C-alpha atoms as a PDB file:
ATOM      1  CA  MET A   1      70.772  14.917  79.683  1.00  0.00           C
ATOM      2  CA  PRO A   2      69.895  16.768  82.905  1.00  0.00           C
ATOM      3  CA  SER A   3      66.615  18.527  83.592  1.00  0.00           C
ATOM      4  CA  TRP A   4      66.131  22.179  84.591  1.00  0.00           C
ATOM      5  CA  LYS A   5      66.361  21.192  88.276  1.00  0.00           C
ATOM      6  CA  HIS A   6      69.635  19.327  87.801  1.00  0.00           C
ATOM      7  CA  LEU A   7      71.108  22.146  85.725  1.00  0.00           C
ATOM      8  CA  LEU A   8      70.232  24.651  88.447  1.00  0.00           C
ATOM      9  CA  ALA A   9      71.898  22.446  91.059  1.00  0.00           C
ATOM     10  CA  GLU A  10      74.986  22.154  88.866  1.00  0.00           C
ATOM     11  CA  ILE A  11      75.151  25.927  88.387  1.00  0.00           C
ATOM     12  CA  GLN A  12      74.934  26.453  92.133  1.00  0.00           C
ATOM     13  CA  GLY A  13      77.751  23.971  92.662  1.00  0.00           C
ATOM     14  CA  VAL A  14      80.234  25.283  90.087  1.00  0.00           C
ATOM     15  CA  GLN A  15      83.280  27.079  91.486  1.00  0.00           C
ATOM     16  CA  SER A  16      85.524  28.459  88.728  1.00  0.00           C
ATOM     17  CA  THR A  17      86.464  31.591  86.830  1.00  0.00           C
ATOM     18  CA  GLY A  18      83.512  33.199  85.078  1.00  0.00           C
ATOM     19  CA  THR A  19      79.985  32.774  86.286  1.00  0.00           C
ATOM     20  CA  ALA A  20      78.552  29.388  87.053  1.00  0.00           C
ATOM     21  CA  GLN A  21      75.943  30.002  84.364  1.00  0.00           C
ATOM     22  CA  ASP A  22      78.704  30.567  81.802  1.00  0.00           C
ATOM     23  CA  GLN A  23      80.492  27.362  82.681  1.00  0.00           C
ATOM     24  CA  VAL A  24      77.417  25.160  82.542  1.00  0.00           C
ATOM     25  CA  ARG A  25      75.973  26.771  79.406  1.00  0.00           C
ATOM     26  CA  ARG A  26      79.211  26.454  77.476  1.00  0.00           C
ATOM     27  CA  LYS A  27      79.648  22.864  78.532  1.00  0.00           C
ATOM     28  CA  TYR A  28      76.327  21.797  77.037  1.00  0.00           C
ATOM     29  CA  LEU A  29      76.683  23.993  73.959  1.00  0.00           C
ATOM     30  CA  ALA A  30      79.952  22.208  73.173  1.00  0.00           C
ATOM     31  CA  GLU A  31      78.349  18.794  73.775  1.00  0.00           C
ATOM     32  CA  LEU A  32      75.471  19.627  71.439  1.00  0.00           C
ATOM     33  CA  SER A  33      77.823  20.699  68.661  1.00  0.00           C
ATOM     34  CA  GLU A  34      79.814  17.507  69.104  1.00  0.00           C
ATOM     35  CA  LEU A  35      76.587  15.482  68.863  1.00  0.00           C
ATOM     36  CA  THR A  36      75.364  17.142  65.670  1.00  0.00           C
ATOM     37  CA  GLY A  37      78.729  17.762  64.023  1.00  0.00           C
ATOM     38  CA  ARG A  38      77.498  21.269  63.230  1.00  0.00           C
ATOM     39  CA  ASN A  39      78.315  24.784  64.329  1.00  0.00           C
ATOM     40  CA  THR A  40      75.906  26.159  66.906  1.00  0.00           C
ATOM     41  CA  ILE A  41      74.997  29.726  67.811  1.00  0.00           C
ATOM     42  CA  VAL A  42      72.454  30.712  70.441  1.00  0.00           C
ATOM     43  CA  TYR A  43      70.620  34.010  70.012  1.00  0.00           C
ATOM     44  CA  TYR A  44      68.652  34.703  73.189  1.00  0.00           C
ATOM     45  CA  SER A  45      66.741  37.710  74.479  1.00  0.00           C
ATOM     46  CA  ALA A  46      65.598  38.172  78.091  1.00  0.00           C
ATOM     47  CA  TRP A  47      62.298  39.878  77.245  1.00  0.00           C
ATOM     48  CA  LEU A  48      60.336  37.172  79.095  1.00  0.00           C
ATOM     49  CA  ASP A  49      62.449  37.448  82.247  1.00  0.00           C
ATOM     50  CA  LYS A  50      63.052  41.195  82.277  1.00  0.00           C
ATOM     51  CA  GLY A  51      60.051  42.579  80.464  1.00  0.00           C
ATOM     52  CA  HIS A  52      59.630  45.190  83.203  1.00  0.00           C
ATOM     53  CA  LEU A  53      62.797  46.847  81.865  1.00  0.00           C
ATOM     54  CA  ALA A  54      61.509  47.068  78.280  1.00  0.00           C
ATOM     55  CA  SER A  55      60.373  50.690  78.527  1.00  0.00           C
ATOM     56  CA  GLN A  56      63.782  51.723  79.865  1.00  0.00           C
ATOM     57  CA  TYR A  57      65.955  49.425  77.748  1.00  0.00           C
ATOM     58  CA  HIS A  58      63.908  48.521  74.675  1.00  0.00           C
ATOM     59  CA  GLN A  59      66.518  47.996  71.996  1.00  0.00           C
ATOM     60  CA  PRO A  60      68.712  45.349  73.705  1.00  0.00           C
ATOM     61  CA  PHE A  61      65.750  42.966  73.865  1.00  0.00           C
ATOM     62  CA  SER A  62      64.901  43.185  70.171  1.00  0.00           C
ATOM     63  CA  VAL A  63      66.550  42.286  66.881  1.00  0.00           C
ATOM     64  CA  ASN A  64      68.708  45.315  66.016  1.00  0.00           C
ATOM     65  CA  ASP A  65      71.778  46.289  64.039  1.00  0.00           C
ATOM     66  CA  SER A  66      74.155  45.828  66.972  1.00  0.00           C
ATOM     67  CA  ASP A  67      73.467  42.072  66.755  1.00  0.00           C
ATOM     68  CA  LYS A  68      75.607  41.905  63.603  1.00  0.00           C
ATOM     69  CA  ASN A  69      78.770  42.531  65.634  1.00  0.00           C
ATOM     70  CA  ALA A  70      77.851  39.728  68.017  1.00  0.00           C
ATOM     71  CA  PHE A  71      77.320  37.293  65.153  1.00  0.00           C
ATOM     72  CA  MET A  72      80.597  38.339  63.527  1.00  0.00           C
ATOM     73  CA  THR A  73      82.345  37.487  66.786  1.00  0.00           C
ATOM     74  CA  ALA A  74      80.586  34.118  67.056  1.00  0.00           C
ATOM     75  CA  ILE A  75      81.258  33.117  63.441  1.00  0.00           C
ATOM     76  CA  HIS A  76      84.895  34.207  63.273  1.00  0.00           C
ATOM     77  CA  GLY A  77      87.154  31.169  62.907  1.00  0.00           C
ATOM     78  CA  MET A  78      84.347  28.655  62.368  1.00  0.00           C
ATOM     79  CA  ASP A  79      84.639  25.816  59.870  1.00  0.00           C
ATOM     80  CA  ARG A  80      81.718  27.054  57.813  1.00  0.00           C
ATOM     81  CA  ASP A  81      81.504  23.812  55.839  1.00  0.00           C
ATOM     82  CA  LYS A  82      79.844  22.326  58.922  1.00  0.00           C
ATOM     83  CA  GLY A  83      76.786  24.544  58.483  1.00  0.00           C
ATOM     84  CA  LEU A  84      74.978  26.286  61.315  1.00  0.00           C
ATOM     85  CA  ASP A  85      72.316  25.426  63.863  1.00  0.00           C
ATOM     86  CA  LEU A  86      70.825  28.747  64.981  1.00  0.00           C
ATOM     87  CA  PHE A  87      68.867  28.879  68.252  1.00  0.00           C
ATOM     88  CA  LEU A  88      66.288  31.655  68.144  1.00  0.00           C
ATOM     89  CA  HIS A  89      64.587  32.985  71.266  1.00  0.00           C
ATOM     90  CA  THR A  90      63.444  36.526  70.544  1.00  0.00           C
ATOM     91  CA  PRO A  91      60.376  38.778  70.496  1.00  0.00           C
ATOM     92  CA  GLY A  92      61.434  40.114  67.087  1.00  0.00           C
ATOM     93  CA  GLY A  93      62.482  43.637  66.235  1.00  0.00           C
ATOM     94  CA  ASP A  94      63.673  45.725  63.326  1.00  0.00           C
ATOM     95  CA  VAL A  95      62.952  44.324  59.845  1.00  0.00           C
ATOM     96  CA  ALA A  96      65.950  46.070  58.305  1.00  0.00           C
ATOM     97  CA  ALA A  97      68.260  44.552  60.936  1.00  0.00           C
ATOM     98  CA  ALA A  98      66.752  41.097  60.368  1.00  0.00           C
ATOM     99  CA  GLU A  99      67.212  41.434  56.605  1.00  0.00           C
ATOM    100  CA  SER A 100      70.843  42.481  57.014  1.00  0.00           C
ATOM    101  CA  LEU A 101      71.533  39.648  59.456  1.00  0.00           C
ATOM    102  CA  VAL A 102      70.021  37.021  57.150  1.00  0.00           C
ATOM    103  CA  ARG A 103      72.123  38.249  54.238  1.00  0.00           C
ATOM    104  CA  TYR A 104      75.250  37.981  56.380  1.00  0.00           C
ATOM    105  CA  LEU A 105      74.405  34.488  57.661  1.00  0.00           C
ATOM    106  CA  ARG A 106      73.690  33.260  54.134  1.00  0.00           C
ATOM    107  CA  ALA A 107      76.952  34.762  52.906  1.00  0.00           C
ATOM    108  CA  MET A 108      78.749  32.783  55.612  1.00  0.00           C
ATOM    109  CA  PHE A 109      76.879  29.450  55.445  1.00  0.00           C
ATOM    110  CA  ASP A 110      75.009  29.618  52.131  1.00  0.00           C
ATOM    111  CA  LEU A 111      71.722  27.750  52.711  1.00  0.00           C
ATOM    112  CA  ASP A 112      73.036  25.269  55.294  1.00  0.00           C
ATOM    113  CA  ILE A 113      71.349  26.966  58.245  1.00  0.00           C
ATOM    114  CA  ARG A 114      68.874  25.172  60.489  1.00  0.00           C
ATOM    115  CA  ALA A 115      66.690  27.196  62.847  1.00  0.00           C
ATOM    116  CA  ILE A 116      66.112  25.812  66.341  1.00  0.00           C
ATOM    117  CA  VAL A 117      63.097  27.271  68.160  1.00  0.00           C
ATOM    118  CA  PRO A 118      62.998  25.762  71.663  1.00  0.00           C
ATOM    119  CA  GLN A 119      60.299  28.149  72.892  1.00  0.00           C
ATOM    120  CA  LEU A 120      59.488  31.427  71.091  1.00  0.00           C
ATOM    121  CA  ALA A 121      60.768  33.162  67.955  1.00  0.00           C
ATOM    122  CA  MET A 122      58.264  35.877  67.152  1.00  0.00           C
ATOM    123  CA  SER A 123      57.862  38.513  64.440  1.00  0.00           C
ATOM    124  CA  ALA A 124      61.325  39.266  62.980  1.00  0.00           C
ATOM    125  CA  GLY A 125      62.529  36.085  64.729  1.00  0.00           C
ATOM    126  CA  THR A 126      60.035  34.127  62.632  1.00  0.00           C
ATOM    127  CA  MET A 127      61.283  35.931  59.534  1.00  0.00           C
ATOM    128  CA  ILE A 128      64.853  34.824  60.291  1.00  0.00           C
ATOM    129  CA  ALA A 129      63.652  31.250  60.862  1.00  0.00           C
ATOM    130  CA  CYS A 130      61.945  31.329  57.449  1.00  0.00           C
ATOM    131  CA  ALA A 131      65.315  32.099  55.868  1.00  0.00           C
ATOM    132  CA  CYS A 132      66.673  28.749  57.089  1.00  0.00           C
ATOM    133  CA  LYS A 133      66.438  25.384  55.343  1.00  0.00           C
ATOM    134  CA  GLU A 134      64.147  24.012  58.067  1.00  0.00           C
ATOM    135  CA  ILE A 135      62.814  24.874  61.505  1.00  0.00           C
ATOM    136  CA  VAL A 136      63.175  22.476  64.433  1.00  0.00           C
ATOM    137  CA  MET A 137      60.285  22.909  66.879  1.00  0.00           C
ATOM    138  CA  GLY A 138      58.919  21.019  69.851  1.00  0.00           C
ATOM    139  CA  LEU A 139      55.351  20.653  71.033  1.00  0.00           C
ATOM    140  CA  HIS A 140      56.124  23.590  73.343  1.00  0.00           C
ATOM    141  CA  SER A 141      57.571  25.826  70.592  1.00  0.00           C
ATOM    142  CA  SER A 142      55.927  28.730  68.794  1.00  0.00           C
ATOM    143  CA  ILE A 143      56.687  31.132  65.996  1.00  0.00           C
ATOM    144  CA  GLY A 144      54.525  34.163  65.203  1.00  0.00           C
ATOM    145  CA  PRO A 145      52.959  36.341  62.509  1.00  0.00           C
ATOM    146  CA  ILE A 146      55.240  38.453  60.320  1.00  0.00           C
ATOM    147  CA  ASP A 147      52.836  41.380  59.864  1.00  0.00           C
ATOM    148  CA  PRO A 148      54.989  44.469  60.439  1.00  0.00           C
ATOM    149  CA  GLN A 149      54.571  46.989  63.212  1.00  0.00           C
ATOM    150  CA  PHE A 150      54.987  50.587  62.103  1.00  0.00           C
ATOM    151  CA  ARG A 151      55.829  53.144  64.800  1.00  0.00           C
ATOM    152  CA  GLY A 152      54.436  50.817  67.432  1.00  0.00           C
ATOM    153  CA  MET A 153      51.192  50.172  65.547  1.00  0.00           C
ATOM    154  CA  PRO A 154      50.217  47.251  63.297  1.00  0.00           C
ATOM    155  CA  ALA A 155      50.702  48.383  59.699  1.00  0.00           C
ATOM    156  CA  HIS A 156      47.825  46.194  58.511  1.00  0.00           C
ATOM    157  CA  GLY A 157      45.564  47.714  61.150  1.00  0.00           C
ATOM    158  CA  ILE A 158      46.375  51.255  60.029  1.00  0.00           C
ATOM    159  CA  VAL A 159      45.603  50.485  56.381  1.00  0.00           C
ATOM    160  CA  GLU A 160      42.463  48.494  57.215  1.00  0.00           C
ATOM    161  CA  GLU A 161      41.102  51.228  59.445  1.00  0.00           C
ATOM    162  CA  PHE A 162      41.706  53.893  56.793  1.00  0.00           C
ATOM    163  CA  ASN A 163      40.022  51.779  54.103  1.00  0.00           C
ATOM    164  CA  ARG A 164      37.094  51.152  56.424  1.00  0.00           C
ATOM    165  CA  ALA A 165      36.736  54.881  56.995  1.00  0.00           C
ATOM    166  CA  LYS A 166      36.669  55.535  53.246  1.00  0.00           C
ATOM    167  CA  THR A 167      34.061  52.822  52.700  1.00  0.00           C
ATOM    168  CA  GLU A 168      31.770  53.977  55.512  1.00  0.00           C
ATOM    169  CA  ILE A 169      32.034  57.649  54.574  1.00  0.00           C
ATOM    170  CA  ALA A 170      31.274  56.875  50.907  1.00  0.00           C
ATOM    171  CA  ALA A 171      28.210  54.871  51.964  1.00  0.00           C
ATOM    172  CA  ASP A 172      27.061  57.381  54.578  1.00  0.00           C
ATOM    173  CA  PRO A 173      28.552  60.907  54.634  1.00  0.00           C
ATOM    174  CA  ALA A 174      26.897  61.412  58.014  1.00  0.00           C
ATOM    175  CA  SER A 175      29.639  59.205  59.495  1.00  0.00           C
ATOM    176  CA  ILE A 176      32.287  61.848  58.726  1.00  0.00           C
ATOM    177  CA  PRO A 177      32.125  63.376  62.259  1.00  0.00           C
ATOM    178  CA  VAL A 178      32.794  59.897  63.703  1.00  0.00           C
ATOM    179  CA  TRP A 179      35.896  59.296  61.589  1.00  0.00           C
ATOM    180  CA  GLN A 180      37.291  62.819  61.412  1.00  0.00           C
ATOM    181  CA  PRO A 181      38.989  62.875  64.870  1.00  0.00           C
ATOM    182  CA  ILE A 182      40.546  59.466  64.161  1.00  0.00           C
ATOM    183  CA  ILE A 183      41.853  60.195  60.680  1.00  0.00           C
ATOM    184  CA  SER A 184      43.059  63.669  61.710  1.00  0.00           C
ATOM    185  CA  LYS A 185      45.675  61.993  63.911  1.00  0.00           C
ATOM    186  CA  TYR A 186      47.277  60.311  60.890  1.00  0.00           C
ATOM    187  CA  HIS A 187      50.324  62.154  59.597  1.00  0.00           C
ATOM    188  CA  PRO A 188      50.435  62.666  55.790  1.00  0.00           C
ATOM    189  CA  THR A 189      52.683  59.691  54.930  1.00  0.00           C
ATOM    190  CA  LEU A 190      51.363  57.164  57.444  1.00  0.00           C
ATOM    191  CA  ILE A 191      49.202  55.116  55.050  1.00  0.00           C
ATOM    192  CA  GLY A 192      51.829  54.952  52.329  1.00  0.00           C
ATOM    193  CA  GLU A 193      54.616  54.041  54.742  1.00  0.00           C
ATOM    194  CA  SER A 194      52.443  51.320  56.303  1.00  0.00           C
ATOM    195  CA  GLU A 195      51.697  49.837  52.877  1.00  0.00           C
ATOM    196  CA  LYS A 196      55.416  49.847  52.057  1.00  0.00           C
ATOM    197  CA  ALA A 197      56.256  48.129  55.371  1.00  0.00           C
ATOM    198  CA  ILE A 198      53.751  45.360  54.607  1.00  0.00           C
ATOM    199  CA  ALA A 199      55.068  44.883  51.059  1.00  0.00           C
ATOM    200  CA  TRP A 200      58.698  44.880  52.269  1.00  0.00           C
ATOM    201  CA  SER A 201      58.263  42.234  54.956  1.00  0.00           C
ATOM    202  CA  GLN A 202      56.261  39.964  52.667  1.00  0.00           C
ATOM    203  CA  GLN A 203      58.670  40.361  49.771  1.00  0.00           C
ATOM    204  CA  ILE A 204      61.817  39.436  51.672  1.00  0.00           C
ATOM    205  CA  VAL A 205      60.251  36.438  53.423  1.00  0.00           C
ATOM    206  CA  GLU A 206      58.868  35.142  50.118  1.00  0.00           C
ATOM    207  CA  GLU A 207      62.333  35.498  48.615  1.00  0.00           C
ATOM    208  CA  TRP A 208      64.022  33.708  51.525  1.00  0.00           C
ATOM    209  CA  LEU A 209      61.549  30.828  51.459  1.00  0.00           C
ATOM    210  CA  ALA A 210      61.748  30.420  47.682  1.00  0.00           C
ATOM    211  CA  THR A 211      65.562  30.460  47.618  1.00  0.00           C
ATOM    212  CA  GLY A 212      66.019  28.378  50.763  1.00  0.00           C
ATOM    213  CA  MET A 213      63.419  26.167  52.377  1.00  0.00           C
ATOM    214  CA  PHE A 214      61.541  25.461  49.118  1.00  0.00           C
ATOM    215  CA  GLU A 215      64.413  25.711  46.637  1.00  0.00           C
ATOM    216  CA  SER A 216      64.209  21.996  45.764  1.00  0.00           C
ATOM    217  CA  LEU A 217      60.729  22.535  44.284  1.00  0.00           C
ATOM    218  CA  GLY A 218      62.167  24.499  41.372  1.00  0.00           C
ATOM    219  CA  LYS A 219      61.628  28.206  40.830  1.00  0.00           C
ATOM    220  CA  PRO A 220      57.898  28.240  39.883  1.00  0.00           C
ATOM    221  CA  GLY A 221      56.924  25.749  42.592  1.00  0.00           C
ATOM    222  CA  ALA A 222      59.133  27.395  45.216  1.00  0.00           C
ATOM    223  CA  GLU A 223      57.725  30.852  44.527  1.00  0.00           C
ATOM    224  CA  ALA A 224      54.137  29.605  44.656  1.00  0.00           C
ATOM    225  CA  LYS A 225      54.757  27.732  47.912  1.00  0.00           C
ATOM    226  CA  ALA A 226      56.503  30.744  49.461  1.00  0.00           C
ATOM    227  CA  LYS A 227      53.620  33.028  48.522  1.00  0.00           C
ATOM    228  CA  GLN A 228      51.142  30.613  50.114  1.00  0.00           C
ATOM    229  CA  VAL A 229      53.074  30.517  53.392  1.00  0.00           C
ATOM    230  CA  VAL A 230      53.518  34.285  53.548  1.00  0.00           C
ATOM    231  CA  GLN A 231      49.812  34.825  52.965  1.00  0.00           C
ATOM    232  CA  SER A 232      49.169  32.826  56.136  1.00  0.00           C
ATOM    233  CA  LEU A 233      51.993  34.243  58.260  1.00  0.00           C
ATOM    234  CA  GLY A 234      51.366  37.824  57.177  1.00  0.00           C
ATOM    235  CA  ASP A 235      47.579  37.956  56.997  1.00  0.00           C
ATOM    236  CA  PRO A 236      45.929  39.364  60.147  1.00  0.00           C
ATOM    237  CA  GLN A 237      42.610  37.972  58.910  1.00  0.00           C
ATOM    238  CA  PHE A 238      44.111  34.565  59.754  1.00  0.00           C
ATOM    239  CA  THR A 239      46.375  35.354  62.693  1.00  0.00           C
ATOM    240  CA  TYR A 240      44.160  38.095  64.257  1.00  0.00           C
ATOM    241  CA  SER A 241      46.944  39.352  66.532  1.00  0.00           C
ATOM    242  CA  HIS A 242      50.651  40.092  66.132  1.00  0.00           C
ATOM    243  CA  SER A 243      51.229  38.130  69.339  1.00  0.00           C
ATOM    244  CA  ARG A 244      49.475  34.994  68.023  1.00  0.00           C
ATOM    245  CA  HIS A 245      51.463  31.851  68.894  1.00  0.00           C
ATOM    246  CA  ILE A 246      51.821  29.475  65.947  1.00  0.00           C
ATOM    247  CA  ASP A 247      52.705  25.983  67.171  1.00  0.00           C
ATOM    248  CA  PHE A 248      54.299  23.055  65.336  1.00  0.00           C
ATOM    249  CA  ASP A 249      51.058  21.726  63.847  1.00  0.00           C
ATOM    250  CA  ALA A 250      49.905  25.159  62.666  1.00  0.00           C
ATOM    251  CA  ALA A 251      53.314  25.903  61.139  1.00  0.00           C
ATOM    252  CA  LYS A 252      53.275  22.576  59.318  1.00  0.00           C
ATOM    253  CA  GLN A 253      49.739  23.181  58.085  1.00  0.00           C
ATOM    254  CA  MET A 254      50.834  26.541  56.694  1.00  0.00           C
ATOM    255  CA  GLY A 255      53.392  24.672  54.596  1.00  0.00           C
ATOM    256  CA  LEU A 256      56.605  25.462  56.452  1.00  0.00           C
ATOM    257  CA  LYS A 257      59.288  22.782  56.549  1.00  0.00           C
ATOM    258  CA  VAL A 258      59.284  22.006  60.270  1.00  0.00           C
ATOM    259  CA  VAL A 259      60.971  19.109  62.038  1.00  0.00           C
ATOM    260  CA  ALA A 260      59.632  17.747  65.321  1.00  0.00           C
ATOM    261  CA  MET A 261      62.145  17.881  68.140  1.00  0.00           C
ATOM    262  CA  GLU A 262      60.435  14.835  69.635  1.00  0.00           C
ATOM    263  CA  ASP A 263      61.459  12.654  66.667  1.00  0.00           C
ATOM    264  CA  ASP A 264      64.967  12.254  68.120  1.00  0.00           C
ATOM    265  CA  ASP A 265      65.094  11.814  71.901  1.00  0.00           C
ATOM    266  CA  LYS A 266      68.843  12.283  72.166  1.00  0.00           C
ATOM    267  CA  LEU A 267      68.824  15.460  70.112  1.00  0.00           C
ATOM    268  CA  GLN A 268      65.759  16.786  71.907  1.00  0.00           C
ATOM    269  CA  ASN A 269      67.426  16.337  75.299  1.00  0.00           C
ATOM    270  CA  ALA A 270      70.573  18.092  74.089  1.00  0.00           C
ATOM    271  CA  LEU A 271      68.630  20.997  72.566  1.00  0.00           C
ATOM    272  CA  LEU A 272      66.465  21.537  75.625  1.00  0.00           C
ATOM    273  CA  THR A 273      69.448  21.345  77.959  1.00  0.00           C
ATOM    274  CA  VAL A 274      71.100  24.194  76.042  1.00  0.00           C
ATOM    275  CA  HIS A 275      67.813  26.107  76.077  1.00  0.00           C
ATOM    276  CA  HIS A 276      67.389  25.704  79.827  1.00  0.00           C
ATOM    277  CA  ALA A 277      71.007  26.715  80.439  1.00  0.00           C
ATOM    278  CA  CYS A 278      70.502  29.897  78.382  1.00  0.00           C
ATOM    279  CA  MET A 279      67.259  30.716  80.174  1.00  0.00           C
ATOM    280  CA  LEU A 280      68.925  30.216  83.556  1.00  0.00           C
ATOM    281  CA  THR A 281      71.634  32.634  82.458  1.00  0.00           C
ATOM    282  CA  LEU A 282      69.048  35.270  81.540  1.00  0.00           C
ATOM    283  CA  SER A 283      67.039  34.818  84.716  1.00  0.00           C
ATOM    284  CA  GLY A 284      70.008  34.548  87.087  1.00  0.00           C
ATOM    285  CA  THR A 285      72.260  37.336  85.797  1.00  0.00           C
ATOM    286  CA  SER A 286      71.933  40.894  84.469  1.00  0.00           C
ATOM    287  CA  ALA A 287      72.166  39.637  80.857  1.00  0.00           C
ATOM    288  CA  VAL A 288      69.455  40.808  78.446  1.00  0.00           C
ATOM    289  CA  LYS A 289      70.898  39.503  75.163  1.00  0.00           C
ATOM    290  CA  LEU A 290      73.151  36.521  74.560  1.00  0.00           C
ATOM    291  CA  VAL A 291      74.893  35.502  71.329  1.00  0.00           C
ATOM    292  CA  GLU A 292      77.348  32.625  71.765  1.00  0.00           C
ATOM    293  CA  ASN A 293      78.874  29.741  69.823  1.00  0.00           C
ATOM    294  CA  GLN A 294      79.937  26.239  70.817  1.00  0.00           C
ATOM    295  CA  ASP A 295      83.485  27.401  71.575  1.00  0.00           C
ATOM    296  CA  GLY A 296      82.349  29.888  74.198  1.00  0.00           C
ATOM    297  CA  ASP A 297      82.895  32.955  72.011  1.00  0.00           C
ATOM    298  CA  ALA A 298      80.150  35.281  73.164  1.00  0.00           C
ATOM    299  CA  ILE A 299      78.802  38.793  73.249  1.00  0.00           C
ATOM    300  CA  VAL A 300      76.538  39.395  76.243  1.00  0.00           C
ATOM    301  CA  GLN A 301      74.571  42.606  76.725  1.00  0.00           C
ATOM    302  CA  ALA A 302      73.623  43.391  80.289  1.00  0.00           C
ATOM    303  CA  VAL A 303      71.683  46.118  82.079  1.00  0.00           C
ATOM    304  CA  GLU A 304      71.041  47.001  85.698  1.00  0.00           C
ATOM    305  CA  PRO A 305      69.034  46.515  87.784  1.00  0.00           C
ATOM    306  CA  ILE A 306      68.034  42.869  87.320  1.00  0.00           C
END
């Protein structure tokens, strides 16, 4: 399989209808599906390439409800008995949208969904990966914590800060003037809503893990294993930061069922070729979100300027 350099040269040399990036990307997506005998869908966001546009065009970069239409287009007409290999390259996004998307994918493919993380699947992207039967990662791949962000702030951080204020004020009432200007900025439902966001994200990921990745352990074992994994992925005392990169070894140590891309050279080459072709599309065009299957059925969101 060709490297990034060879793919770029091929893109520059293609002369046909559609963009050169489209032609090359679709070629290698089809070859990968033929190699695995499975359906393939790529779900790519351009937040790494076009992060400077995030303040102007935030939603297209993230997991959101409009993604459902793209997946419906990609799945229509598929032989669903072949299962699904789902490429995930995303910064994350809305938990409700991720939950809805997982329910739809499971309705279409049951539990025969394999997550492919060639580089980064963070936050809600990690949640979606946890709903799959296994996660294929390379030494260069990372997933991330699933601690929810509430109105742009870490929900755990809001609750922890409030509890710290209560503790310090109870121990020393003289600290009230220190905490008063901070707590006064909290609206009346902020703490409760943050606690609900934490419980929601943990609950659905535990459910997905127990009914998918760990199902073979039996209900009691699967639920215990799922709880253990979620405690690691969702605990800021372990991850420290929402942007923490969790690599293959760390994911395996947490208990996730991860498969090393490097175990199969032929498959690794095919996966990375598709990844590079998608990244070249995002960097070389105005595309900010790409959802496409092995037959070239795609929904591409684009914004200007590049």
